[in-house]
Amino acid sequence: MKIEELSVNFDELNERYERVIDERDSLKLKYQADENQLKKLNMKLSELKEEIALREKLTKASNAKVNSLQTHVKTFKDILDRILLQLSAIKQMTMSLKQERDELEQERDSLKVRGAVAFDELTPRPNYDKLQKVRKLDFKIRPTGEPTSLFVNSNLC
């Protein structure tokens, strides 16, 4: 009986051995599949790291360009502000000059009206009557239009 028992045990062990071998083979295949997947994932990870590094470089370059453009915009804005201030000053000066021109034109027009009167009325004349009385002189000049004994020949002049 011992041989029969040993034979049964051997068959059981043999079956168990085959199951273990089968399980080992399936685990080996699973391990190889997992290893291949791990290699693929490692490759994908390295590609993603490279892409991240590239994007960081692009981001830094973009940020530098944005900073440069912001500097240009600020400079342009400052120049524009100065130009607008100068334009405002020029506008005020223009308004002042127009007002001064209008005043000068009015003064010119009033002088034209004054100039339309006789030239003698524009020239200041001494009051001969008063001078004669104060100095007690007689120039034989009568400002009231009285005839004098002094005769001037207009042909001689």
Protein backbone atom coordinates (compact mmCIF):
# COMPACT_ATOMS: atom_id res chain seq x y z
CA MET A 1 0.00 0.00 0.00
CA LYS A 2 2.73 2.21 0.47
CA ILE A 3 3.58 2.11 -3.14
CA GLU A 4 0.04 2.92 -4.04
CA GLU A 5 -0.04 5.75 -1.60
CA LEU A 6 3.24 6.97 -2.88
CA SER A 7 1.96 6.71 -6.36
CA VAL A 8 -1.12 8.77 -5.46
CA ASN A 9 1.05 11.25 -3.64
CA PHE A 10 3.36 11.38 -6.60
CA ASP A 11 0.42 12.04 -8.92
CA GLU A 12 -0.86 14.73 -6.62
CA LEU A 13 2.57 16.27 -6.34
CA ASN A 14 3.01 16.02 -10.05
CA GLU A 15 -0.31 17.79 -10.64
CA ARG A 16 0.58 20.37 -8.06
CA TYR A 17 4.00 20.82 -9.67
CA GLU A 18 2.37 21.33 -13.08
CA ARG A 19 -0.05 23.87 -11.60
CA VAL A 20 2.85 25.70 -9.97
CA ILE A 21 4.75 25.61 -13.27
CA ASP A 22 1.67 26.88 -15.10
CA GLU A 23 1.20 29.58 -12.49
CA ARG A 24 4.89 30.46 -12.73
CA ASP A 25 4.63 30.69 -16.53
CA SER A 26 1.53 32.87 -16.30
CA LEU A 27 3.23 35.08 -13.67
CA LYS A 28 6.34 35.22 -15.89
CA LEU A 29 4.19 36.37 -18.82
CA LYS A 30 2.42 38.86 -16.59
CA TYR A 31 5.80 40.08 -15.28
CA GLN A 32 7.10 40.51 -18.84
CA ALA A 33 3.92 42.37 -19.84
CA ASP A 34 4.22 44.60 -16.75
CA GLU A 35 7.91 45.13 -17.51
CA ASN A 36 7.09 46.15 -21.10
CA GLN A 37 4.36 48.46 -19.86
CA LEU A 38 6.78 49.95 -17.29
CA LYS A 39 9.35 50.56 -20.06
CA LYS A 40 6.68 52.25 -22.18
CA LEU A 41 5.58 54.36 -19.21
CA ASN A 42 9.20 55.32 -18.43
CA MET A 43 9.68 56.37 -22.07
CA LYS A 44 6.44 58.35 -21.93
CA LEU A 45 7.59 59.93 -18.64
CA SER A 46 10.93 60.99 -20.16
CA GLU A 47 9.11 62.41 -23.22
CA LEU A 48 6.76 64.34 -20.93
CA LYS A 49 9.72 65.66 -18.91
CA GLU A 50 11.36 66.85 -22.12
CA GLU A 51 8.11 68.48 -23.19
CA ILE A 52 7.80 70.18 -19.79
CA ALA A 53 11.37 71.49 -20.09
CA LEU A 54 10.65 72.77 -23.61
CA ARG A 55 7.44 74.45 -22.47
CA GLU A 56 9.26 76.05 -19.54
CA LYS A 57 11.80 77.48 -21.99
CA LEU A 58 8.98 78.74 -24.20
CA THR A 59 7.22 80.21 -21.17
CA LYS A 60 10.38 82.02 -20.08
CA ALA A 61 10.88 83.35 -23.60
CA SER A 62 7.24 84.45 -23.77
CA ASN A 63 7.49 86.13 -20.37
CA ALA A 64 10.64 87.95 -21.47
CA LYS A 65 8.89 89.09 -24.65
CA VAL A 66 5.83 90.22 -22.66
CA ASN A 67 8.07 92.18 -20.29
CA SER A 68 9.81 93.78 -23.23
CA LEU A 69 6.49 94.70 -24.82
CA GLN A 70 5.24 96.10 -21.50
CA THR A 71 8.35 98.27 -21.32
CA HIS A 72 7.74 99.50 -24.87
CA VAL A 73 4.08 100.16 -24.10
CA LYS A 74 5.00 102.09 -20.93
CA THR A 75 7.56 104.14 -22.85
CA PHE A 76 5.02 104.78 -25.60
CA LYS A 77 2.41 105.76 -23.00
CA ASP A 78 4.85 108.17 -21.32
CA ILE A 79 5.70 109.75 -24.67
CA LEU A 80 2.01 109.99 -25.54
CA ASP A 81 1.27 111.65 -22.18
CA ARG A 82 4.03 114.21 -22.79
CA ILE A 83 2.73 114.85 -26.31
CA LEU A 84 -0.80 115.34 -24.99
CA LEU A 85 0.48 117.78 -22.36
CA GLN A 86 2.38 119.69 -25.03
CA LEU A 87 -0.68 119.63 -27.27
CA SER A 88 -2.78 121.02 -24.43
CA ALA A 89 -0.21 123.78 -23.85
CA ILE A 90 -0.17 124.54 -27.59
CA LYS A 91 -3.96 124.65 -27.62
CA GLN A 92 -3.99 127.10 -24.70
CA MET A 93 -1.31 129.20 -26.41
CA THR A 94 -3.33 129.14 -29.64
CA MET A 95 -6.44 130.26 -27.81
CA SER A 96 -4.44 133.03 -26.11
CA LEU A 97 -2.95 134.14 -29.42
CA LYS A 98 -6.38 134.14 -31.09
CA GLN A 99 -7.77 136.25 -28.26
CA GLU A 100 -4.81 138.63 -28.51
CA ARG A 101 -5.25 138.80 -32.29
CA ASP A 102 -8.95 139.60 -31.87
CA GLU A 103 -8.10 142.34 -29.35
CA LEU A 104 -5.44 143.76 -31.67
CA GLU A 105 -7.88 143.70 -34.59
CA GLN A 106 -10.43 145.58 -32.48
CA GLU A 107 -7.78 148.09 -31.46
CA ARG A 108 -6.72 148.44 -35.11
CA ASP A 109 -10.34 149.01 -36.15
CA SER A 110 -10.76 151.64 -33.42
CA LEU A 111 -7.54 153.30 -34.57
CA LYS A 112 -8.87 153.26 -38.13
CA VAL A 113 -11.95 155.09 -36.93
CA ARG A 114 -9.81 157.57 -35.05
CA GLY A 115 -7.51 157.84 -38.06
CA ALA A 116 -10.45 158.69 -40.28
CA VAL A 117 -10.64 162.11 -38.63
CA ALA A 118 -8.36 164.88 -39.80
CA PHE A 119 -4.65 164.46 -39.25
CA ASP A 120 -4.55 167.69 -37.26
CA GLU A 121 -6.88 166.23 -34.69
CA LEU A 122 -4.50 163.33 -34.03
CA THR A 123 -1.45 165.52 -33.42
CA PRO A 124 -1.35 167.19 -30.00
CA ARG A 125 -1.23 170.96 -30.34
CA PRO A 126 -0.14 173.44 -27.69
CA ASN A 127 -2.74 175.79 -26.36
CA TYR A 128 -1.33 179.00 -27.86
CA ASP A 129 -3.92 181.19 -26.24
CA LYS A 130 -2.89 179.97 -22.78
CA LEU A 131 0.83 180.26 -23.63
CA GLN A 132 0.37 183.85 -24.78
CA LYS A 133 -1.45 184.81 -21.60
CA VAL A 134 1.03 183.08 -19.23
CA ARG A 135 4.19 184.35 -20.98
CA LYS A 136 2.59 187.62 -22.00
CA LEU A 137 3.62 187.14 -25.57
CA ASP A 138 1.77 187.79 -28.76
CA PHE A 139 2.56 185.40 -31.58
CA LYS A 140 -0.25 186.83 -33.64
CA ILE A 141 -1.80 183.39 -33.70
CA ARG A 142 -5.51 183.29 -33.11
CA PRO A 143 -6.76 179.77 -32.47
CA THR A 144 -10.36 180.90 -32.57
CA GLY A 145 -10.08 181.59 -36.25
CA GLU A 146 -9.79 185.39 -36.06
CA PRO A 147 -7.82 187.00 -38.88
CA THR A 148 -4.36 188.23 -38.01
CA SER A 149 -2.34 191.02 -39.46
CA LEU A 150 0.29 188.48 -40.43
CA PHE A 151 -0.07 187.32 -43.99
CA VAL A 152 1.57 184.18 -45.31
CA ASN A 153 2.00 183.88 -49.02
CA SER A 154 1.27 180.30 -49.99
CA ASN A 155 3.05 180.74 -53.31
CA LEU A 156 6.39 181.18 -51.59
CA CYS A 157 6.28 177.92 -49.69
